[in-house]
């Protein structure tokens, strides 16, 4: 087995255990047992449990980006506010799909992991910055096309869009227990975005 595949298996095993048992309850012996490798193999790739946690966070933030953003963005930038709002609605739908397909992922990455220590919280913020940068680029493009308010601060507006998507993820985690179903959440958030961005 090649090194990249072995490392990926260790990351997956750690992730599954962190989601099932919680980070603090897992030890390296649990990870190697789940992966079916020796302690020596583990230490060929990672220094300790905290080191593999960083790899888990980076890998699963990339997965979230792929599942939520890349699937919604079909390679063409929106040219109108209507197209942008349709894209935003697709992204919200993908947030819900992700939570349905990987119920523990969002809870672990966005809630539990960030409470482990300040370094994990900072790493999560750095990963989220990539999404904020992408949203900022969308705003800049919309302003340049004249379909978004030219008085908007693109960076601040991008951060707000990211916050709105995080609220959609949290609503998806609650699964309607708050009285808000996916259709209402999507409709209300898209209407808010449209009103906020319109010229």
N, C-alpha and C. Protein backbone atom coordinates (compact mmCIF):
# COMPACT_ATOMS: atom_id res chain seq x y z
N UNK A 1 0.85 -1.18 0.00
CA UNK A 1 0.00 0.00 0.00
C UNK A 1 0.89 1.24 0.00
N UNK A 2 0.54 2.24 -0.83
CA UNK A 2 1.39 3.41 -0.89
C UNK A 2 1.17 4.32 0.33
N UNK A 3 2.14 5.21 0.54
CA UNK A 3 2.14 6.04 1.74
C UNK A 3 0.92 6.95 1.82
N UNK A 4 0.52 7.54 0.70
CA UNK A 4 -0.62 8.46 0.71
C UNK A 4 -1.90 7.73 1.11
N UNK A 5 -2.06 6.51 0.61
CA UNK A 5 -3.26 5.74 0.95
C UNK A 5 -3.25 5.33 2.42
N UNK A 6 -2.10 4.92 2.92
CA UNK A 6 -1.99 4.53 4.33
C UNK A 6 -2.30 5.74 5.24
N UNK A 7 -1.75 6.88 4.89
CA UNK A 7 -2.01 8.10 5.67
C UNK A 7 -3.49 8.44 5.65
N UNK A 8 -4.11 8.34 4.47
CA UNK A 8 -5.55 8.64 4.34
C UNK A 8 -6.38 7.69 5.20
N UNK A 9 -5.98 6.41 5.26
CA UNK A 9 -6.71 5.45 6.09
C UNK A 9 -6.59 5.80 7.57
N UNK A 10 -5.42 6.25 7.99
CA UNK A 10 -5.25 6.67 9.38
C UNK A 10 -6.12 7.89 9.68
N UNK A 11 -6.15 8.85 8.76
CA UNK A 11 -6.98 10.04 8.96
C UNK A 11 -8.45 9.66 9.05
N UNK A 12 -8.90 8.77 8.16
CA UNK A 12 -10.30 8.32 8.20
C UNK A 12 -10.60 7.60 9.51
N UNK A 13 -9.71 6.74 9.94
CA UNK A 13 -9.93 6.01 11.19
C UNK A 13 -10.01 6.97 12.37
N UNK A 14 -9.11 7.94 12.40
CA UNK A 14 -9.14 8.93 13.49
C UNK A 14 -10.43 9.72 13.46
N UNK A 15 -10.82 10.16 12.27
CA UNK A 15 -12.05 10.93 12.13
C UNK A 15 -13.26 10.14 12.65
N UNK A 16 -13.38 8.90 12.22
CA UNK A 16 -14.52 8.07 12.65
C UNK A 16 -14.55 7.92 14.16
N UNK A 17 -13.39 7.71 14.75
CA UNK A 17 -13.33 7.58 16.21
C UNK A 17 -13.64 8.89 16.91
N UNK A 18 -13.11 10.01 16.40
CA UNK A 18 -13.37 11.31 17.01
C UNK A 18 -14.87 11.62 16.98
N UNK A 19 -15.52 11.27 15.87
CA UNK A 19 -16.96 11.52 15.76
C UNK A 19 -17.74 10.58 16.68
N UNK A 20 -17.35 9.30 16.71
CA UNK A 20 -18.09 8.31 17.52
C UNK A 20 -17.89 8.49 19.02
N UNK A 21 -16.64 8.73 19.44
CA UNK A 21 -16.32 8.72 20.87
C UNK A 21 -15.98 10.09 21.44
N UNK A 22 -15.68 11.04 20.57
CA UNK A 22 -15.20 12.34 21.03
C UNK A 22 -13.68 12.33 21.07
N UNK A 23 -13.08 13.42 20.71
CA UNK A 23 -11.62 13.51 20.60
C UNK A 23 -10.92 13.10 21.89
N UNK A 24 -11.39 13.59 23.01
CA UNK A 24 -10.70 13.36 24.28
C UNK A 24 -10.73 11.90 24.72
N UNK A 25 -11.71 11.15 24.26
CA UNK A 25 -11.83 9.74 24.67
C UNK A 25 -11.01 8.79 23.81
N UNK A 26 -10.43 9.31 22.72
CA UNK A 26 -9.67 8.46 21.78
C UNK A 26 -8.19 8.52 22.12
N UNK A 27 -7.52 7.37 22.02
CA UNK A 27 -6.07 7.31 22.18
C UNK A 27 -5.48 6.74 20.89
N UNK A 28 -4.18 6.90 20.73
CA UNK A 28 -3.52 6.42 19.51
C UNK A 28 -3.77 4.93 19.29
N UNK A 29 -3.81 4.16 20.37
CA UNK A 29 -4.07 2.72 20.24
C UNK A 29 -5.42 2.45 19.57
N UNK A 30 -6.41 3.28 19.84
CA UNK A 30 -7.71 3.13 19.19
C UNK A 30 -7.59 3.36 17.68
N UNK A 31 -6.83 4.38 17.32
CA UNK A 31 -6.69 4.74 15.90
C UNK A 31 -5.98 3.63 15.14
N UNK A 32 -4.88 3.12 15.70
CA UNK A 32 -4.14 2.08 14.99
C UNK A 32 -4.95 0.79 14.91
N UNK A 33 -5.73 0.50 15.95
CA UNK A 33 -6.58 -0.70 15.92
C UNK A 33 -7.64 -0.56 14.83
N UNK A 34 -8.26 0.61 14.75
CA UNK A 34 -9.30 0.84 13.73
C UNK A 34 -8.70 0.76 12.33
N UNK A 35 -7.49 1.30 12.15
CA UNK A 35 -6.84 1.29 10.83
C UNK A 35 -6.18 -0.05 10.51
N UNK A 36 -5.98 -0.89 11.53
CA UNK A 36 -5.33 -2.18 11.31
C UNK A 36 -3.84 -2.05 11.02
N UNK A 37 -3.19 -1.10 11.70
CA UNK A 37 -1.76 -0.90 11.52
C UNK A 37 -1.07 -0.90 12.89
N UNK A 38 0.25 -0.87 12.87
CA UNK A 38 1.01 -0.85 14.12
C UNK A 38 1.21 0.59 14.60
N UNK A 39 1.62 0.70 15.87
CA UNK A 39 1.96 2.02 16.39
C UNK A 39 3.08 2.65 15.57
N UNK A 40 4.05 1.83 15.16
CA UNK A 40 5.17 2.34 14.37
C UNK A 40 4.71 2.96 13.07
N UNK A 41 3.73 2.32 12.44
CA UNK A 41 3.18 2.87 11.20
C UNK A 41 2.53 4.22 11.45
N UNK A 42 1.77 4.30 12.54
CA UNK A 42 1.14 5.58 12.89
C UNK A 42 2.20 6.67 13.02
N UNK A 43 3.29 6.37 13.75
CA UNK A 43 4.31 7.38 14.01
C UNK A 43 5.19 7.67 12.80
N UNK A 44 5.05 6.88 11.75
CA UNK A 44 5.70 7.25 10.48
C UNK A 44 5.03 8.46 9.84
N UNK A 45 3.77 8.67 10.20
CA UNK A 45 2.98 9.74 9.56
C UNK A 45 2.64 10.88 10.50
N UNK A 46 2.48 10.58 11.78
CA UNK A 46 2.01 11.58 12.73
C UNK A 46 2.82 11.53 14.01
N UNK A 47 2.97 12.67 14.64
CA UNK A 47 3.73 12.78 15.88
C UNK A 47 2.94 12.25 17.07
N UNK A 48 1.64 12.55 17.08
CA UNK A 48 0.78 12.18 18.19
C UNK A 48 -0.69 12.35 17.79
N UNK A 49 -1.58 12.16 18.73
CA UNK A 49 -3.01 12.29 18.44
C UNK A 49 -3.36 13.71 18.02
N UNK A 50 -2.74 14.68 18.62
CA UNK A 50 -3.02 16.09 18.27
C UNK A 50 -2.60 16.39 16.84
N UNK A 51 -1.51 15.78 16.40
CA UNK A 51 -1.02 15.98 15.03
C UNK A 51 -2.01 15.41 14.02
N UNK A 52 -2.55 14.23 14.29
CA UNK A 52 -3.51 13.65 13.34
C UNK A 52 -4.83 14.44 13.37
N UNK A 53 -5.15 15.07 14.49
CA UNK A 53 -6.34 15.92 14.54
C UNK A 53 -6.23 17.05 13.51
N UNK A 54 -5.05 17.66 13.41
CA UNK A 54 -4.85 18.72 12.40
C UNK A 54 -5.11 18.18 10.99
N UNK A 55 -4.63 16.98 10.74
CA UNK A 55 -4.84 16.37 9.41
C UNK A 55 -6.33 16.09 9.18
N UNK A 56 -7.02 15.65 10.22
CA UNK A 56 -8.46 15.41 10.11
C UNK A 56 -9.18 16.71 9.78
N UNK A 57 -8.85 17.77 10.49
CA UNK A 57 -9.52 19.05 10.26
C UNK A 57 -9.29 19.54 8.84
N UNK A 58 -8.04 19.51 8.40
CA UNK A 58 -7.74 19.99 7.04
C UNK A 58 -8.45 19.14 5.99
N UNK A 59 -8.40 17.82 6.17
CA UNK A 59 -9.02 16.93 5.18
C UNK A 59 -10.53 17.14 5.11
N UNK A 60 -11.18 17.26 6.26
CA UNK A 60 -12.63 17.33 6.25
C UNK A 60 -13.15 18.73 5.93
N UNK A 61 -12.36 19.76 6.18
CA UNK A 61 -12.74 21.07 5.65
C UNK A 61 -12.68 21.04 4.12
N UNK A 62 -11.68 20.37 3.58
CA UNK A 62 -11.60 20.22 2.12
C UNK A 62 -12.80 19.44 1.59
N UNK A 63 -13.22 18.40 2.33
CA UNK A 63 -14.39 17.63 1.93
C UNK A 63 -15.64 18.51 1.95
N UNK A 64 -15.79 19.32 2.99
CA UNK A 64 -16.93 20.23 3.06
C UNK A 64 -16.92 21.18 1.87
N UNK A 65 -15.74 21.71 1.56
CA UNK A 65 -15.63 22.63 0.41
C UNK A 65 -16.06 21.93 -0.87
N UNK A 66 -15.62 20.71 -1.05
CA UNK A 66 -15.98 19.96 -2.26
C UNK A 66 -17.47 19.66 -2.29
N UNK A 67 -18.01 19.19 -1.18
CA UNK A 67 -19.41 18.76 -1.15
C UNK A 67 -20.39 19.93 -1.17
N UNK A 68 -20.02 21.05 -0.57
CA UNK A 68 -20.96 22.16 -0.48
C UNK A 68 -20.76 23.18 -1.60
N UNK A 69 -19.50 23.57 -1.84
CA UNK A 69 -19.26 24.64 -2.80
C UNK A 69 -18.99 24.13 -4.22
N UNK A 70 -18.05 23.21 -4.34
CA UNK A 70 -17.64 22.78 -5.69
C UNK A 70 -18.79 22.17 -6.46
N UNK A 71 -19.67 21.44 -5.79
CA UNK A 71 -20.80 20.83 -6.49
C UNK A 71 -21.82 21.87 -6.93
N UNK A 72 -21.91 22.96 -6.18
CA UNK A 72 -22.89 24.01 -6.52
C UNK A 72 -22.38 24.92 -7.62
N UNK A 73 -21.08 25.18 -7.60
CA UNK A 73 -20.50 26.09 -8.58
C UNK A 73 -20.09 25.26 -9.79
N UNK A 74 -20.70 25.54 -10.90
CA UNK A 74 -20.48 24.73 -12.09
C UNK A 74 -19.41 25.31 -13.00
N UNK A 75 -18.55 26.14 -12.48
CA UNK A 75 -17.45 26.70 -13.27
C UNK A 75 -17.73 28.06 -13.84
N UNK A 76 -18.98 28.47 -13.86
CA UNK A 76 -19.32 29.77 -14.42
C UNK A 76 -19.76 30.69 -13.29
N UNK A 77 -19.18 31.87 -13.26
CA UNK A 77 -19.58 32.84 -12.23
C UNK A 77 -20.95 33.41 -12.55
N UNK A 78 -21.77 33.63 -11.51
CA UNK A 78 -23.09 34.23 -11.76
C UNK A 78 -22.93 35.60 -12.42
N UNK A 79 -23.81 35.89 -13.38
CA UNK A 79 -23.76 37.15 -14.10
C UNK A 79 -24.84 38.13 -13.65
N UNK A 80 -25.83 37.63 -12.92
CA UNK A 80 -26.92 38.47 -12.43
C UNK A 80 -27.17 38.14 -10.96
N UNK A 81 -27.93 39.01 -10.30
CA UNK A 81 -28.28 38.74 -8.90
C UNK A 81 -29.16 37.49 -8.81
N UNK A 82 -30.04 37.29 -9.79
CA UNK A 82 -30.86 36.09 -9.79
C UNK A 82 -29.99 34.83 -9.87
N UNK A 83 -28.99 34.85 -10.74
CA UNK A 83 -28.09 33.70 -10.86
C UNK A 83 -27.32 33.49 -9.56
N UNK A 84 -26.89 34.58 -8.94
CA UNK A 84 -26.17 34.46 -7.68
C UNK A 84 -27.06 33.85 -6.60
N UNK A 85 -28.31 34.32 -6.51
CA UNK A 85 -29.24 33.79 -5.51
C UNK A 85 -29.54 32.32 -5.77
N UNK A 86 -29.64 31.93 -7.04
CA UNK A 86 -29.85 30.51 -7.37
C UNK A 86 -28.64 29.68 -6.92
N UNK A 87 -27.43 30.21 -7.13
CA UNK A 87 -26.22 29.53 -6.67
C UNK A 87 -26.23 29.41 -5.15
N UNK A 88 -26.59 30.47 -4.47
CA UNK A 88 -26.61 30.46 -3.01
C UNK A 88 -27.62 29.43 -2.50
N UNK A 89 -28.78 29.34 -3.16
CA UNK A 89 -29.78 28.34 -2.78
C UNK A 89 -29.24 26.92 -2.98
N UNK A 90 -28.50 26.69 -4.08
CA UNK A 90 -27.90 25.37 -4.30
C UNK A 90 -26.89 25.04 -3.20
N UNK A 91 -26.11 26.03 -2.80
CA UNK A 91 -25.13 25.81 -1.74
C UNK A 91 -25.84 25.43 -0.43
N UNK A 92 -26.93 26.12 -0.12
CA UNK A 92 -27.70 25.78 1.09
C UNK A 92 -28.23 24.35 0.99
N UNK A 93 -28.74 23.97 -0.18
CA UNK A 93 -29.22 22.59 -0.36
C UNK A 93 -28.09 21.59 -0.12
N UNK A 94 -26.89 21.92 -0.59
CA UNK A 94 -25.74 21.02 -0.38
C UNK A 94 -25.33 20.96 1.08
N UNK A 95 -25.54 22.05 1.82
CA UNK A 95 -25.30 22.02 3.27
C UNK A 95 -26.18 20.95 3.92
N UNK A 96 -27.45 20.95 3.55
CA UNK A 96 -28.38 19.98 4.11
C UNK A 96 -28.01 18.56 3.68
N UNK A 97 -27.64 18.38 2.42
CA UNK A 97 -27.24 17.05 1.95
C UNK A 97 -26.02 16.53 2.70
N UNK A 98 -25.07 17.42 2.94
CA UNK A 98 -23.87 17.02 3.66
C UNK A 98 -24.21 16.54 5.07
N UNK A 99 -25.06 17.28 5.75
CA UNK A 99 -25.44 16.90 7.11
C UNK A 99 -26.21 15.57 7.10
N UNK A 100 -27.04 15.34 6.08
CA UNK A 100 -27.77 14.08 5.97
C UNK A 100 -26.81 12.91 5.72
N UNK A 101 -25.84 13.13 4.80
CA UNK A 101 -24.91 12.06 4.43
C UNK A 101 -23.84 11.81 5.48
N UNK A 102 -23.40 12.86 6.15
CA UNK A 102 -22.31 12.77 7.14
C UNK A 102 -22.77 13.46 8.43
N UNK A 103 -23.70 12.86 9.16
CA UNK A 103 -24.32 13.56 10.29
C UNK A 103 -23.34 14.05 11.36
N UNK A 104 -22.27 13.32 11.58
CA UNK A 104 -21.34 13.74 12.63
C UNK A 104 -20.28 14.72 12.16
N UNK A 105 -20.10 14.85 10.87
CA UNK A 105 -19.00 15.65 10.32
C UNK A 105 -19.09 17.11 10.71
N UNK A 106 -20.19 17.74 10.40
CA UNK A 106 -20.31 19.17 10.65
C UNK A 106 -20.27 19.46 12.15
N UNK A 107 -20.94 18.63 12.92
CA UNK A 107 -20.94 18.82 14.37
C UNK A 107 -19.52 18.72 14.92
N UNK A 108 -18.77 17.72 14.47
CA UNK A 108 -17.41 17.57 14.97
C UNK A 108 -16.52 18.71 14.52
N UNK A 109 -16.51 19.00 13.22
CA UNK A 109 -15.58 20.00 12.67
C UNK A 109 -15.90 21.40 13.16
N UNK A 110 -17.16 21.78 13.17
CA UNK A 110 -17.51 23.17 13.49
C UNK A 110 -17.79 23.41 14.97
N UNK A 111 -18.13 22.37 15.71
CA UNK A 111 -18.49 22.59 17.11
C UNK A 111 -17.50 21.93 18.06
N UNK A 112 -17.37 20.61 18.00
CA UNK A 112 -16.52 19.93 18.98
C UNK A 112 -15.04 20.26 18.81
N UNK A 113 -14.54 20.16 17.58
CA UNK A 113 -13.11 20.34 17.36
C UNK A 113 -12.65 21.73 17.77
N UNK A 114 -13.46 22.74 17.51
CA UNK A 114 -13.04 24.11 17.83
C UNK A 114 -12.97 24.36 19.33
N UNK A 115 -13.56 23.46 20.13
CA UNK A 115 -13.50 23.63 21.58
C UNK A 115 -12.31 22.90 22.21
N UNK A 116 -11.52 22.19 21.40
CA UNK A 116 -10.41 21.40 21.95
C UNK A 116 -9.32 22.31 22.50
N UNK A 117 -8.87 23.25 21.69
CA UNK A 117 -7.90 24.23 22.16
C UNK A 117 -7.85 25.40 21.17
N UNK A 118 -7.13 26.44 21.54
CA UNK A 118 -7.07 27.64 20.72
C UNK A 118 -6.43 27.38 19.36
N UNK A 119 -5.46 26.46 19.32
CA UNK A 119 -4.80 26.17 18.04
C UNK A 119 -5.75 25.50 17.06
N UNK A 120 -6.61 24.63 17.55
CA UNK A 120 -7.60 23.99 16.66
C UNK A 120 -8.60 25.04 16.19
N UNK A 121 -9.03 25.90 17.10
CA UNK A 121 -9.97 26.96 16.71
C UNK A 121 -9.34 27.83 15.63
N UNK A 122 -8.07 28.18 15.79
CA UNK A 122 -7.39 29.00 14.79
C UNK A 122 -7.25 28.26 13.46
N UNK A 123 -6.96 26.98 13.52
CA UNK A 123 -6.85 26.19 12.29
C UNK A 123 -8.20 26.15 11.57
N UNK A 124 -9.27 26.01 12.31
CA UNK A 124 -10.60 26.00 11.72
C UNK A 124 -10.91 27.35 11.08
N UNK A 125 -10.55 28.42 11.77
CA UNK A 125 -10.77 29.77 11.22
C UNK A 125 -9.98 29.95 9.94
N UNK A 126 -8.74 29.46 9.91
CA UNK A 126 -7.93 29.55 8.69
C UNK A 126 -8.57 28.78 7.55
N UNK A 127 -9.12 27.61 7.84
CA UNK A 127 -9.82 26.85 6.80
C UNK A 127 -11.07 27.58 6.33
N UNK A 128 -11.80 28.19 7.25
CA UNK A 128 -12.99 28.95 6.87
C UNK A 128 -12.64 30.18 6.05
N UNK A 129 -11.44 30.72 6.24
CA UNK A 129 -11.01 31.89 5.48
C UNK A 129 -11.04 31.62 3.98
N UNK A 130 -10.74 30.40 3.59
CA UNK A 130 -10.78 30.04 2.17
C UNK A 130 -12.18 30.26 1.62
N UNK A 131 -13.20 29.87 2.40
CA UNK A 131 -14.58 30.06 1.97
C UNK A 131 -14.92 31.55 1.93
N UNK A 132 -14.45 32.29 2.92
CA UNK A 132 -14.68 33.73 2.94
C UNK A 132 -14.05 34.43 1.76
N UNK A 133 -12.85 33.96 1.37
CA UNK A 133 -12.17 34.52 0.20
C UNK A 133 -12.98 34.27 -1.07
N UNK A 134 -13.55 33.08 -1.17
CA UNK A 134 -14.35 32.75 -2.34
C UNK A 134 -15.61 33.61 -2.40
N UNK A 135 -16.27 33.78 -1.25
CA UNK A 135 -17.47 34.62 -1.20
C UNK A 135 -17.12 36.08 -1.52
N UNK A 136 -15.97 36.53 -1.05
CA UNK A 136 -15.53 37.89 -1.36
C UNK A 136 -15.34 38.07 -2.87
N UNK A 137 -14.77 37.07 -3.52
CA UNK A 137 -14.59 37.13 -4.98
C UNK A 137 -15.93 37.20 -5.69
N UNK A 138 -16.93 36.46 -5.18
CA UNK A 138 -18.27 36.53 -5.77
C UNK A 138 -18.84 37.95 -5.66
N UNK A 139 -18.66 38.56 -4.50
CA UNK A 139 -19.17 39.92 -4.30
C UNK A 139 -18.47 40.90 -5.23
N UNK A 140 -17.16 40.81 -5.31
CA UNK A 140 -16.40 41.70 -6.21
C UNK A 140 -16.89 41.55 -7.65
N UNK A 141 -17.12 40.32 -8.06
CA UNK A 141 -17.60 40.06 -9.41
C UNK A 141 -18.99 40.68 -9.61
N UNK A 142 -19.87 40.50 -8.63
CA UNK A 142 -21.22 41.06 -8.73
C UNK A 142 -21.22 42.57 -8.79
N UNK A 143 -20.34 43.20 -8.02
CA UNK A 143 -20.23 44.66 -8.06
C UNK A 143 -19.72 45.10 -9.43
N UNK A 144 -18.69 44.41 -9.93
CA UNK A 144 -18.13 44.76 -11.25
C UNK A 144 -19.17 44.62 -12.36
N UNK A 145 -20.06 43.64 -12.23
CA UNK A 145 -21.10 43.43 -13.24
C UNK A 145 -22.27 44.39 -13.07
N UNK A 146 -22.33 45.08 -11.93
CA UNK A 146 -23.42 46.00 -11.68
C UNK A 146 -24.68 45.37 -11.12
N UNK A 147 -24.59 44.08 -10.74
CA UNK A 147 -25.78 43.42 -10.20
C UNK A 147 -25.81 43.40 -8.68
N UNK A 148 -24.77 43.97 -8.06
CA UNK A 148 -24.74 44.09 -6.60
C UNK A 148 -24.39 45.52 -6.23
N UNK A 149 -24.81 45.91 -5.05
CA UNK A 149 -24.64 47.28 -4.57
C UNK A 149 -23.16 47.67 -4.55
N UNK A 150 -22.79 48.72 -5.28
CA UNK A 150 -21.38 49.13 -5.33
C UNK A 150 -20.86 49.66 -3.99
N UNK A 151 -21.77 49.99 -3.08
CA UNK A 151 -21.33 50.49 -1.77
C UNK A 151 -20.93 49.36 -0.81
N UNK A 152 -21.14 48.11 -1.23
CA UNK A 152 -20.79 46.99 -0.37
C UNK A 152 -19.28 46.90 -0.16
N UNK A 153 -18.88 46.53 1.04
CA UNK A 153 -17.49 46.17 1.29
C UNK A 153 -17.38 44.68 0.96
N UNK A 154 -16.64 44.32 -0.09
CA UNK A 154 -16.61 42.91 -0.51
C UNK A 154 -16.14 41.95 0.58
N UNK A 155 -15.12 42.31 1.33
CA UNK A 155 -14.61 41.41 2.37
C UNK A 155 -15.66 41.20 3.45
N UNK A 156 -16.22 42.28 3.96
CA UNK A 156 -17.24 42.17 5.01
C UNK A 156 -18.46 41.41 4.49
N UNK A 157 -18.88 41.71 3.27
CA UNK A 157 -20.04 41.01 2.69
C UNK A 157 -19.75 39.53 2.50
N UNK A 158 -18.53 39.19 2.10
CA UNK A 158 -18.14 37.79 1.96
C UNK A 158 -18.19 37.06 3.30
N UNK A 159 -17.72 37.73 4.36
CA UNK A 159 -17.76 37.14 5.70
C UNK A 159 -19.21 36.94 6.16
N UNK A 160 -20.08 37.89 5.80
CA UNK A 160 -21.49 37.77 6.17
C UNK A 160 -22.12 36.58 5.43
N UNK A 161 -21.80 36.43 4.15
CA UNK A 161 -22.31 35.28 3.40
C UNK A 161 -21.86 33.97 4.04
N UNK A 162 -20.61 33.93 4.46
CA UNK A 162 -20.11 32.73 5.13
C UNK A 162 -20.87 32.47 6.42
N UNK A 163 -21.13 33.51 7.18
CA UNK A 163 -21.90 33.37 8.43
C UNK A 163 -23.30 32.84 8.15
N UNK A 164 -23.90 33.31 7.06
CA UNK A 164 -25.23 32.84 6.70
C UNK A 164 -25.19 31.35 6.37
N UNK A 165 -24.16 30.93 5.65
CA UNK A 165 -24.03 29.50 5.33
C UNK A 165 -23.80 28.67 6.58
N UNK A 166 -23.03 29.20 7.52
CA UNK A 166 -22.84 28.48 8.78
C UNK A 166 -24.17 28.33 9.52
N UNK A 167 -25.01 29.36 9.45
CA UNK A 167 -26.32 29.25 10.10
C UNK A 167 -27.17 28.19 9.40
N UNK A 168 -27.03 28.06 8.07
CA UNK A 168 -27.75 27.00 7.35
C UNK A 168 -27.26 25.63 7.81
N UNK A 169 -25.94 25.47 7.98
CA UNK A 169 -25.40 24.19 8.46
C UNK A 169 -25.93 23.87 9.85
N UNK A 170 -25.96 24.86 10.73
CA UNK A 170 -26.45 24.63 12.09
C UNK A 170 -27.94 24.27 12.07
N UNK A 171 -28.69 24.92 11.21
CA UNK A 171 -30.11 24.58 11.08
C UNK A 171 -30.27 23.15 10.57
N UNK A 172 -29.42 22.78 9.62
CA UNK A 172 -29.47 21.41 9.09
C UNK A 172 -29.16 20.40 10.19
N UNK A 173 -28.20 20.71 11.06
CA UNK A 173 -27.86 19.83 12.17
C UNK A 173 -29.09 19.64 13.09
N UNK A 174 -29.82 20.72 13.31
CA UNK A 174 -31.01 20.64 14.17
C UNK A 174 -32.13 19.84 13.52
N UNK A 175 -32.07 19.69 12.20
CA UNK A 175 -33.01 18.82 11.49
C UNK A 175 -34.47 19.17 11.67
N UNK A 176 -34.79 20.45 11.77
CA UNK A 176 -36.18 20.86 11.88
C UNK A 176 -36.72 20.90 13.29
N UNK A 177 -35.91 20.53 14.28
CA UNK A 177 -36.38 20.57 15.66
C UNK A 177 -36.65 21.99 16.14
N UNK A 178 -36.11 22.96 15.40
CA UNK A 178 -36.35 24.37 15.73
C UNK A 178 -37.57 24.91 15.00
N UNK A 179 -38.32 24.02 14.31
CA UNK A 179 -39.51 24.44 13.59
C UNK A 179 -39.21 24.99 12.20
N UNK A 180 -37.96 24.94 11.79
CA UNK A 180 -37.57 25.48 10.49
C UNK A 180 -37.14 24.33 9.58
N UNK A 181 -37.89 24.13 8.50
CA UNK A 181 -37.50 23.09 7.56
C UNK A 181 -36.57 23.68 6.50
N UNK A 182 -36.00 22.81 5.71
CA UNK A 182 -35.01 23.22 4.72
C UNK A 182 -35.57 24.25 3.74
N UNK A 183 -36.78 24.06 3.29
CA UNK A 183 -37.36 24.98 2.32
C UNK A 183 -37.49 26.39 2.90
N UNK A 184 -37.95 26.47 4.14
CA UNK A 184 -38.11 27.79 4.75
C UNK A 184 -36.74 28.43 5.00
N UNK A 185 -35.80 27.65 5.53
CA UNK A 185 -34.46 28.20 5.78
C UNK A 185 -33.86 28.73 4.49
N UNK A 186 -33.91 27.91 3.44
CA UNK A 186 -33.35 28.32 2.16
C UNK A 186 -34.04 29.58 1.63
N UNK A 187 -35.37 29.57 1.64
CA UNK A 187 -36.12 30.72 1.13
C UNK A 187 -35.82 31.99 1.88
N UNK A 188 -35.81 31.90 3.22
CA UNK A 188 -35.57 33.10 4.03
C UNK A 188 -34.13 33.61 3.88
N UNK A 189 -33.17 32.69 3.86
CA UNK A 189 -31.78 33.12 3.74
C UNK A 189 -31.50 33.72 2.36
N UNK A 190 -32.04 33.13 1.32
CA UNK A 190 -31.83 33.66 -0.02
C UNK A 190 -32.51 35.03 -0.15
N UNK A 191 -33.71 35.19 0.41
CA UNK A 191 -34.39 36.50 0.37
C UNK A 191 -33.56 37.55 1.11
N UNK A 192 -32.97 37.16 2.23
CA UNK A 192 -32.12 38.09 2.99
C UNK A 192 -30.90 38.49 2.17
N UNK A 193 -30.27 37.51 1.56
CA UNK A 193 -29.08 37.79 0.73
C UNK A 193 -29.44 38.71 -0.44
N UNK A 194 -30.57 38.42 -1.10
CA UNK A 194 -30.99 39.25 -2.22
C UNK A 194 -31.19 40.72 -1.77
N UNK A 195 -31.89 40.89 -0.66
CA UNK A 195 -32.14 42.25 -0.17
C UNK A 195 -30.84 42.95 0.23
N UNK A 196 -29.91 42.21 0.81
CA UNK A 196 -28.65 42.80 1.27
C UNK A 196 -27.73 43.19 0.13
N UNK A 197 -27.76 42.44 -0.97
CA UNK A 197 -26.80 42.65 -2.06
C UNK A 197 -27.32 43.50 -3.19
N UNK A 198 -28.64 43.64 -3.28
CA UNK A 198 -29.22 44.33 -4.45
C UNK A 198 -28.75 45.77 -4.54
N UNK A 199 -28.49 46.24 -5.77
CA UNK A 199 -28.06 47.64 -5.94
C UNK A 199 -29.19 48.62 -5.60
